[in-house]
N, C-alpha and C. Protein backbone atom coordinates (compact mmCIF):
# COMPACT_ATOMS: atom_id res chain seq x y z
N MET A 1 146.88 -163.95 -131.08
CA MET A 1 145.91 -162.89 -131.05
C MET A 1 145.21 -162.79 -132.41
N ALA A 2 143.96 -162.48 -132.32
CA ALA A 2 143.18 -162.34 -133.54
C ALA A 2 143.39 -160.94 -134.12
N LYS A 3 143.30 -160.88 -135.43
CA LYS A 3 143.44 -159.58 -136.09
C LYS A 3 142.18 -158.77 -135.89
N LYS A 4 142.36 -157.48 -135.77
CA LYS A 4 141.22 -156.59 -135.62
C LYS A 4 140.57 -156.40 -136.98
N GLU A 5 139.25 -156.42 -136.96
CA GLU A 5 138.52 -156.19 -138.19
C GLU A 5 138.40 -154.69 -138.42
N LYS A 6 138.73 -154.29 -139.63
CA LYS A 6 138.62 -152.88 -139.98
C LYS A 6 137.26 -152.61 -140.59
N LYS A 7 136.68 -151.51 -140.20
CA LYS A 7 135.40 -151.12 -140.80
C LYS A 7 135.68 -150.53 -142.17
N LYS A 8 134.90 -150.97 -143.13
CA LYS A 8 135.06 -150.45 -144.48
C LYS A 8 134.42 -149.08 -144.59
N SER A 9 135.11 -148.18 -145.22
CA SER A 9 134.54 -146.85 -145.44
C SER A 9 133.54 -146.92 -146.59
N SER A 10 132.75 -145.88 -146.72
CA SER A 10 131.76 -145.86 -147.80
C SER A 10 132.43 -145.82 -149.16
N ALA A 11 133.61 -145.21 -149.26
CA ALA A 11 134.32 -145.17 -150.53
C ALA A 11 134.79 -146.57 -150.93
N ALA A 12 135.22 -147.35 -149.95
CA ALA A 12 135.66 -148.71 -150.25
C ALA A 12 134.48 -149.59 -150.66
N LEU A 13 133.31 -149.33 -150.07
CA LEU A 13 132.13 -150.11 -150.43
C LEU A 13 131.68 -149.82 -151.86
N THR A 14 131.75 -148.58 -152.28
CA THR A 14 131.32 -148.25 -153.64
C THR A 14 132.26 -148.82 -154.68
N LYS A 15 133.54 -148.95 -154.34
CA LYS A 15 134.48 -149.54 -155.29
C LYS A 15 134.26 -151.04 -155.42
N SER A 16 133.83 -151.69 -154.34
CA SER A 16 133.65 -153.13 -154.37
C SER A 16 132.24 -153.55 -154.79
N LEU A 17 131.40 -152.60 -155.13
CA LEU A 17 130.02 -152.87 -155.52
C LEU A 17 129.99 -153.58 -156.87
N LYS A 18 129.30 -154.71 -156.92
CA LYS A 18 129.15 -155.42 -158.19
C LYS A 18 128.22 -154.64 -159.10
N ASN A 19 128.46 -154.70 -160.39
CA ASN A 19 127.63 -154.05 -161.39
C ASN A 19 127.50 -152.55 -161.15
N ARG A 20 128.57 -151.93 -160.68
CA ARG A 20 128.55 -150.50 -160.38
C ARG A 20 128.17 -149.68 -161.60
N ASP A 21 128.69 -150.05 -162.76
CA ASP A 21 128.39 -149.30 -163.97
C ASP A 21 126.91 -149.41 -164.36
N GLN A 22 126.27 -150.55 -164.08
CA GLN A 22 124.84 -150.67 -164.37
C GLN A 22 124.01 -149.80 -163.42
N TYR A 23 124.43 -149.73 -162.15
CA TYR A 23 123.73 -148.87 -161.21
C TYR A 23 123.86 -147.40 -161.63
N LEU A 24 125.05 -147.02 -162.07
CA LEU A 24 125.26 -145.65 -162.53
C LEU A 24 124.42 -145.36 -163.77
N ARG A 25 124.34 -146.33 -164.68
CA ARG A 25 123.56 -146.14 -165.89
C ARG A 25 122.07 -146.00 -165.58
N THR A 26 121.55 -146.87 -164.69
CA THR A 26 120.13 -146.77 -164.33
C THR A 26 119.84 -145.45 -163.63
N SER A 27 120.77 -144.99 -162.79
CA SER A 27 120.59 -143.71 -162.12
C SER A 27 120.55 -142.57 -163.13
N PHE A 28 121.46 -142.59 -164.09
CA PHE A 28 121.49 -141.55 -165.12
C PHE A 28 120.20 -141.56 -165.94
N LEU A 29 119.75 -142.75 -166.33
CA LEU A 29 118.54 -142.84 -167.16
C LEU A 29 117.31 -142.37 -166.39
N TYR A 30 117.24 -142.66 -165.10
CA TYR A 30 116.11 -142.18 -164.30
C TYR A 30 116.13 -140.65 -164.20
N GLN A 31 117.31 -140.09 -163.95
CA GLN A 31 117.42 -138.63 -163.84
C GLN A 31 117.07 -137.96 -165.17
N ALA A 32 117.54 -138.55 -166.27
CA ALA A 32 117.23 -137.99 -167.59
C ALA A 32 115.73 -138.09 -167.87
N SER A 33 115.12 -139.20 -167.49
CA SER A 33 113.69 -139.37 -167.69
C SER A 33 112.89 -138.34 -166.88
N ALA A 34 113.28 -138.14 -165.63
CA ALA A 34 112.58 -137.16 -164.79
C ALA A 34 112.77 -135.75 -165.33
N LEU A 35 113.97 -135.45 -165.84
CA LEU A 35 114.22 -134.13 -166.40
C LEU A 35 113.37 -133.89 -167.65
N MET A 36 113.30 -134.88 -168.52
CA MET A 36 112.51 -134.73 -169.74
C MET A 36 111.01 -134.64 -169.42
N ALA A 37 110.56 -135.38 -168.41
CA ALA A 37 109.15 -135.32 -168.01
C ALA A 37 108.81 -133.94 -167.45
N ASN A 38 109.72 -133.37 -166.67
CA ASN A 38 109.49 -132.02 -166.15
C ASN A 38 109.54 -130.98 -167.26
N ALA A 39 110.43 -131.17 -168.23
CA ALA A 39 110.53 -130.23 -169.34
C ALA A 39 109.27 -130.29 -170.20
N ALA A 40 108.65 -131.46 -170.28
CA ALA A 40 107.43 -131.61 -171.07
C ALA A 40 106.26 -130.87 -170.43
N ASN A 41 106.33 -130.65 -169.15
CA ASN A 41 105.19 -130.07 -168.45
C ASN A 41 105.46 -128.68 -167.91
N MET A 42 106.42 -127.98 -168.47
CA MET A 42 106.73 -126.64 -167.99
C MET A 42 105.65 -125.62 -168.36
N THR A 43 105.07 -125.74 -169.52
CA THR A 43 104.05 -124.78 -169.93
C THR A 43 102.67 -125.26 -169.50
N PRO A 44 101.76 -124.36 -169.14
CA PRO A 44 100.43 -124.77 -168.68
C PRO A 44 99.62 -125.52 -169.73
N GLU A 45 99.84 -125.24 -171.01
CA GLU A 45 99.07 -125.91 -172.05
C GLU A 45 99.38 -127.40 -172.11
N LEU A 46 100.62 -127.76 -171.76
CA LEU A 46 101.04 -129.15 -171.86
C LEU A 46 100.92 -129.90 -170.55
N ALA A 47 100.50 -129.24 -169.49
CA ALA A 47 100.49 -129.86 -168.17
C ALA A 47 99.54 -131.05 -168.08
N VAL A 48 98.42 -131.00 -168.77
CA VAL A 48 97.44 -132.07 -168.65
C VAL A 48 97.74 -133.23 -169.61
N THR A 49 98.09 -132.92 -170.83
CA THR A 49 98.23 -133.98 -171.83
C THR A 49 99.61 -134.60 -171.88
N ALA A 50 100.65 -133.86 -171.56
CA ALA A 50 102.03 -134.34 -171.61
C ALA A 50 102.36 -134.94 -172.96
N THR A 51 102.06 -134.21 -174.03
CA THR A 51 102.31 -134.72 -175.38
C THR A 51 103.33 -133.89 -176.13
N SER A 52 104.20 -133.21 -175.41
CA SER A 52 105.21 -132.42 -176.12
C SER A 52 106.28 -133.34 -176.69
N ALA A 53 107.29 -132.77 -177.28
CA ALA A 53 108.33 -133.55 -177.93
C ALA A 53 109.20 -134.31 -176.93
N THR A 54 109.28 -133.83 -175.69
CA THR A 54 110.16 -134.49 -174.72
C THR A 54 109.47 -135.59 -173.92
N ALA A 55 108.15 -135.66 -173.93
CA ALA A 55 107.43 -136.70 -173.18
C ALA A 55 107.74 -138.10 -173.70
N PRO A 56 107.73 -138.35 -175.02
CA PRO A 56 108.11 -139.69 -175.49
C PRO A 56 109.56 -140.04 -175.16
N LEU A 57 110.42 -139.03 -175.15
CA LEU A 57 111.82 -139.27 -174.80
C LEU A 57 111.94 -139.68 -173.33
N ALA A 58 111.15 -139.04 -172.47
CA ALA A 58 111.14 -139.40 -171.04
C ALA A 58 110.68 -140.84 -170.85
N ARG A 59 109.64 -141.24 -171.58
CA ARG A 59 109.17 -142.63 -171.47
C ARG A 59 110.20 -143.61 -172.01
N TYR A 60 110.90 -143.24 -173.07
CA TYR A 60 111.94 -144.10 -173.64
C TYR A 60 113.08 -144.30 -172.64
N TYR A 61 113.51 -143.22 -171.98
CA TYR A 61 114.58 -143.34 -170.98
C TYR A 61 114.15 -144.24 -169.83
N ALA A 62 112.91 -144.13 -169.39
CA ALA A 62 112.43 -144.97 -168.30
C ALA A 62 112.36 -146.44 -168.72
N SER A 63 111.94 -146.70 -169.95
CA SER A 63 111.91 -148.09 -170.41
C SER A 63 113.31 -148.66 -170.57
N GLN A 64 114.26 -147.83 -171.00
CA GLN A 64 115.65 -148.28 -171.10
C GLN A 64 116.24 -148.56 -169.73
N MET A 65 115.87 -147.75 -168.73
CA MET A 65 116.33 -147.98 -167.37
C MET A 65 115.84 -149.34 -166.86
N LYS A 66 114.57 -149.64 -167.11
CA LYS A 66 114.03 -150.94 -166.70
C LYS A 66 114.73 -152.08 -167.43
N ALA A 67 115.03 -151.89 -168.71
CA ALA A 67 115.69 -152.94 -169.49
C ALA A 67 117.11 -153.19 -168.99
N VAL A 68 117.84 -152.14 -168.66
CA VAL A 68 119.20 -152.29 -168.13
C VAL A 68 119.17 -153.04 -166.81
N ALA A 69 118.22 -152.68 -165.94
CA ALA A 69 118.11 -153.35 -164.65
C ALA A 69 117.72 -154.81 -164.83
N ARG A 70 116.85 -155.09 -165.77
CA ARG A 70 116.41 -156.46 -166.01
C ARG A 70 117.54 -157.32 -166.59
N LYS A 71 118.29 -156.76 -167.55
CA LYS A 71 119.36 -157.52 -168.18
C LYS A 71 120.53 -157.79 -167.25
N SER A 72 120.85 -156.82 -166.40
CA SER A 72 121.98 -157.01 -165.50
C SER A 72 121.55 -157.61 -164.16
N VAL A 73 120.28 -157.92 -164.00
CA VAL A 73 119.69 -158.55 -162.82
C VAL A 73 120.05 -157.76 -161.56
N ILE A 74 119.71 -156.49 -161.58
CA ILE A 74 119.86 -155.66 -160.39
C ILE A 74 118.49 -155.14 -159.98
N ARG A 75 118.35 -154.84 -158.71
CA ARG A 75 117.07 -154.37 -158.21
C ARG A 75 117.04 -152.85 -158.19
N LEU A 76 115.93 -152.33 -158.64
CA LEU A 76 115.73 -150.89 -158.57
C LEU A 76 115.21 -150.53 -157.19
N ASP A 77 115.53 -149.34 -156.74
CA ASP A 77 115.05 -148.85 -155.46
C ASP A 77 113.52 -148.77 -155.49
N PRO A 78 112.84 -149.13 -154.41
CA PRO A 78 111.37 -149.08 -154.40
C PRO A 78 110.81 -147.69 -154.70
N ASN A 79 111.51 -146.65 -154.30
CA ASN A 79 111.02 -145.30 -154.58
C ASN A 79 111.06 -145.00 -156.07
N ILE A 80 112.04 -145.53 -156.77
CA ILE A 80 112.12 -145.35 -158.22
C ILE A 80 111.01 -146.14 -158.90
N LYS A 81 110.80 -147.37 -158.47
CA LYS A 81 109.76 -148.20 -159.07
C LYS A 81 108.38 -147.60 -158.85
N ARG A 82 108.17 -146.97 -157.71
CA ARG A 82 106.87 -146.38 -157.41
C ARG A 82 106.61 -145.11 -158.20
N SER A 83 107.67 -144.49 -158.69
CA SER A 83 107.49 -143.22 -159.39
C SER A 83 107.41 -143.38 -160.91
N ILE A 84 107.32 -144.62 -161.40
CA ILE A 84 107.20 -144.87 -162.84
C ILE A 84 105.97 -145.72 -163.08
N CYS A 85 105.16 -145.33 -164.08
CA CYS A 85 103.96 -146.08 -164.43
C CYS A 85 104.37 -147.41 -165.07
N LYS A 86 103.73 -148.49 -164.63
CA LYS A 86 104.06 -149.81 -165.17
C LYS A 86 103.55 -150.00 -166.59
N ARG A 87 102.47 -149.33 -166.94
CA ARG A 87 101.86 -149.55 -168.26
C ARG A 87 102.55 -148.76 -169.36
N CYS A 88 102.86 -147.49 -169.12
CA CYS A 88 103.38 -146.66 -170.21
C CYS A 88 104.76 -146.06 -169.93
N ASP A 89 105.37 -146.38 -168.79
CA ASP A 89 106.71 -145.91 -168.41
C ASP A 89 106.81 -144.40 -168.28
N THR A 90 105.73 -143.75 -167.92
CA THR A 90 105.75 -142.31 -167.67
C THR A 90 106.22 -142.06 -166.25
N VAL A 91 107.06 -141.05 -166.06
CA VAL A 91 107.46 -140.67 -164.71
C VAL A 91 106.27 -139.97 -164.07
N LEU A 92 105.84 -140.48 -162.92
CA LEU A 92 104.64 -139.96 -162.25
C LEU A 92 105.00 -138.75 -161.41
N ILE A 93 104.60 -137.58 -161.90
CA ILE A 93 104.83 -136.33 -161.19
C ILE A 93 103.47 -135.87 -160.67
N PRO A 94 103.30 -135.80 -159.34
CA PRO A 94 101.99 -135.44 -158.78
C PRO A 94 101.51 -134.09 -159.30
N GLY A 95 100.27 -134.09 -159.77
CA GLY A 95 99.66 -132.87 -160.28
C GLY A 95 99.94 -132.60 -161.75
N ARG A 96 100.92 -133.25 -162.32
CA ARG A 96 101.25 -133.04 -163.72
C ARG A 96 100.94 -134.28 -164.55
N THR A 97 101.61 -135.39 -164.26
CA THR A 97 101.37 -136.60 -165.04
C THR A 97 100.56 -137.64 -164.28
N CYS A 98 100.26 -137.37 -163.01
CA CYS A 98 99.41 -138.31 -162.27
C CYS A 98 98.55 -137.55 -161.27
N ALA A 99 97.44 -138.17 -160.94
CA ALA A 99 96.53 -137.63 -159.92
C ALA A 99 96.62 -138.54 -158.69
N ILE A 100 96.69 -137.95 -157.52
CA ILE A 100 96.81 -138.72 -156.28
C ILE A 100 95.54 -138.54 -155.46
N VAL A 101 94.95 -139.68 -155.06
CA VAL A 101 93.71 -139.66 -154.29
C VAL A 101 93.83 -140.70 -153.17
N VAL A 102 93.31 -140.36 -151.99
CA VAL A 102 93.21 -141.32 -150.89
C VAL A 102 91.80 -141.88 -150.94
N GLU A 103 91.71 -143.20 -151.13
CA GLU A 103 90.41 -143.86 -151.24
C GLU A 103 90.18 -144.76 -150.03
N ASN A 104 88.91 -144.94 -149.71
CA ASN A 104 88.52 -145.87 -148.65
C ASN A 104 87.22 -146.52 -149.11
N GLU A 105 87.31 -147.73 -149.62
CA GLU A 105 86.15 -148.42 -150.18
C GLU A 105 85.47 -149.35 -149.18
N SER A 106 85.86 -149.29 -147.92
CA SER A 106 85.23 -150.15 -146.93
C SER A 106 83.84 -149.62 -146.59
N ALA A 107 82.99 -150.50 -146.12
CA ALA A 107 81.61 -150.13 -145.81
C ALA A 107 81.54 -149.16 -144.62
N ASP A 108 82.40 -149.37 -143.62
CA ASP A 108 82.37 -148.54 -142.41
C ASP A 108 83.33 -147.36 -142.47
N LYS A 109 84.08 -147.24 -143.55
CA LYS A 109 85.09 -146.18 -143.73
C LYS A 109 86.08 -146.16 -142.58
N VAL A 110 86.56 -147.36 -142.22
CA VAL A 110 87.54 -147.46 -141.15
C VAL A 110 88.89 -146.92 -141.64
N PRO A 111 89.63 -146.24 -140.76
CA PRO A 111 90.87 -145.59 -141.22
C PRO A 111 91.98 -146.54 -141.62
N HIS A 112 91.95 -147.79 -141.13
CA HIS A 112 93.04 -148.70 -141.50
C HIS A 112 92.84 -149.30 -142.90
N ALA A 113 91.76 -148.91 -143.60
CA ALA A 113 91.52 -149.41 -144.95
C ALA A 113 91.83 -148.35 -146.02
N ASP A 114 92.50 -147.27 -145.64
CA ASP A 114 92.84 -146.22 -146.60
C ASP A 114 93.86 -146.73 -147.62
N VAL A 115 93.67 -146.31 -148.87
CA VAL A 115 94.56 -146.70 -149.96
C VAL A 115 94.93 -145.44 -150.75
N LEU A 116 96.23 -145.23 -150.95
CA LEU A 116 96.71 -144.12 -151.75
C LEU A 116 96.78 -144.57 -153.20
N THR A 117 96.08 -143.86 -154.08
CA THR A 117 95.99 -144.25 -155.48
C THR A 117 96.64 -143.20 -156.37
N HIS A 118 97.62 -143.63 -157.17
CA HIS A 118 98.24 -142.77 -158.18
C HIS A 118 97.64 -143.17 -159.52
N THR A 119 96.99 -142.24 -160.22
CA THR A 119 96.39 -142.52 -161.52
C THR A 119 97.16 -141.77 -162.59
N CYS A 120 97.72 -142.51 -163.53
CA CYS A 120 98.50 -141.92 -164.62
C CYS A 120 97.55 -141.18 -165.56
N ARG A 121 97.90 -139.96 -165.93
CA ARG A 121 97.05 -139.17 -166.83
C ARG A 121 97.30 -139.50 -168.30
N VAL A 122 98.36 -140.23 -168.59
CA VAL A 122 98.66 -140.59 -169.97
C VAL A 122 97.89 -141.84 -170.38
N CYS A 123 97.97 -142.90 -169.56
CA CYS A 123 97.35 -144.17 -169.94
C CYS A 123 96.19 -144.57 -169.05
N GLY A 124 96.01 -143.93 -167.91
CA GLY A 124 94.93 -144.29 -167.00
C GLY A 124 95.27 -145.41 -166.04
N GLY A 125 96.50 -145.87 -166.05
CA GLY A 125 96.93 -146.93 -165.13
C GLY A 125 96.93 -146.45 -163.70
N GLN A 126 96.70 -147.38 -162.77
CA GLN A 126 96.66 -147.03 -161.36
C GLN A 126 97.68 -147.82 -160.57
N LYS A 127 98.27 -147.14 -159.59
CA LYS A 127 99.12 -147.78 -158.60
C LYS A 127 98.45 -147.54 -157.26
N ARG A 128 98.27 -148.61 -156.49
CA ARG A 128 97.57 -148.51 -155.22
C ARG A 128 98.50 -148.94 -154.10
N PHE A 129 98.60 -148.11 -153.05
CA PHE A 129 99.46 -148.39 -151.91
C PHE A 129 98.63 -148.30 -150.63
N PRO A 130 98.55 -149.39 -149.86
CA PRO A 130 97.82 -149.31 -148.59
C PRO A 130 98.57 -148.43 -147.60
N ILE A 131 97.90 -147.43 -147.06
CA ILE A 131 98.57 -146.51 -146.14
C ILE A 131 97.96 -146.53 -144.75
N GLY A 132 96.79 -147.11 -144.60
CA GLY A 132 96.10 -147.04 -143.32
C GLY A 132 96.47 -148.16 -142.37
N LYS A 133 96.98 -149.29 -142.87
CA LYS A 133 97.20 -150.45 -142.01
C LYS A 133 98.32 -150.20 -141.01
N LYS A 134 99.48 -149.79 -141.50
CA LYS A 134 100.60 -149.49 -140.61
C LYS A 134 101.03 -148.06 -140.88
N GLY A 135 100.81 -147.20 -139.94
CA GLY A 135 101.22 -145.82 -140.12
C GLY A 135 102.71 -145.62 -139.97
N ASP A 136 103.38 -146.56 -139.30
CA ASP A 136 104.81 -146.42 -139.06
C ASP A 136 105.65 -147.23 -140.06
N PHE A 137 105.07 -147.62 -141.19
CA PHE A 137 105.78 -148.42 -142.18
C PHE A 137 106.91 -147.60 -142.81
N VAL A 138 108.08 -148.24 -142.93
CA VAL A 138 109.23 -147.61 -143.56
C VAL A 138 109.79 -148.57 -144.60
N VAL A 139 110.09 -148.07 -145.79
CA VAL A 139 110.66 -148.89 -146.85
C VAL A 139 112.00 -149.45 -146.37
N PHE A 140 112.35 -150.69 -146.77
CA PHE A 140 113.53 -151.36 -146.24
C PHE A 140 114.82 -150.60 -146.51
N THR A 141 114.87 -149.83 -147.58
CA THR A 141 116.10 -149.09 -147.87
C THR A 141 116.29 -147.90 -146.94
N GLU A 142 115.23 -147.50 -146.24
CA GLU A 142 115.32 -146.37 -145.32
C GLU A 142 115.40 -146.81 -143.86
N ARG A 143 115.38 -148.10 -143.60
CA ARG A 143 115.48 -148.59 -142.23
C ARG A 143 116.90 -148.45 -141.73
N PRO A 144 117.06 -148.14 -140.43
CA PRO A 144 118.43 -147.99 -139.89
C PRO A 144 119.22 -149.30 -139.86
N ASP A 145 118.56 -150.45 -139.74
CA ASP A 145 119.28 -151.71 -139.71
C ASP A 145 119.73 -152.16 -141.10
N HIS A 146 119.26 -151.51 -142.15
CA HIS A 146 119.63 -151.87 -143.51
C HIS A 146 120.95 -151.21 -143.94
N VAL A 147 121.33 -150.11 -143.28
CA VAL A 147 122.51 -149.35 -143.67
C VAL A 147 123.76 -150.14 -143.35
N VAL A 148 124.64 -150.27 -144.32
CA VAL A 148 125.91 -150.97 -144.14
C VAL A 148 126.96 -149.96 -143.74
N GLU A 149 127.68 -150.27 -142.69
CA GLU A 149 128.74 -149.35 -142.25
C GLU A 149 130.09 -149.99 -142.38
């Protein structure tokens, strides 16, 4: 008789995860960066410029997070990558550190050509995401077939 396969619990999976300490470090650095970015924009005077004392610290934490991920060769979650500016490592907070606009540059203004544009207010960098082509698009980390049980 063949042995029955036991399903691994989520606790067993986290213990067997390679580079667990690097994942924890990147998670901590992202949270610290987001916290410092929010602290930089608490007052209305600093909301547009984001030049308080904590804004450079937030960018430093985000750059360190990218460096840790790059050195340990781990992949960052797509949602984390989308929330950080590639040019200046600012955490993109809608309405505070970035402006969000839906653009359609097609001649006929067809709905499947819509593009969501995040524009960083610190450096002017843009991130563009096509949103009109597939309305039912789901990031691979949120798909039900991706979850390990």
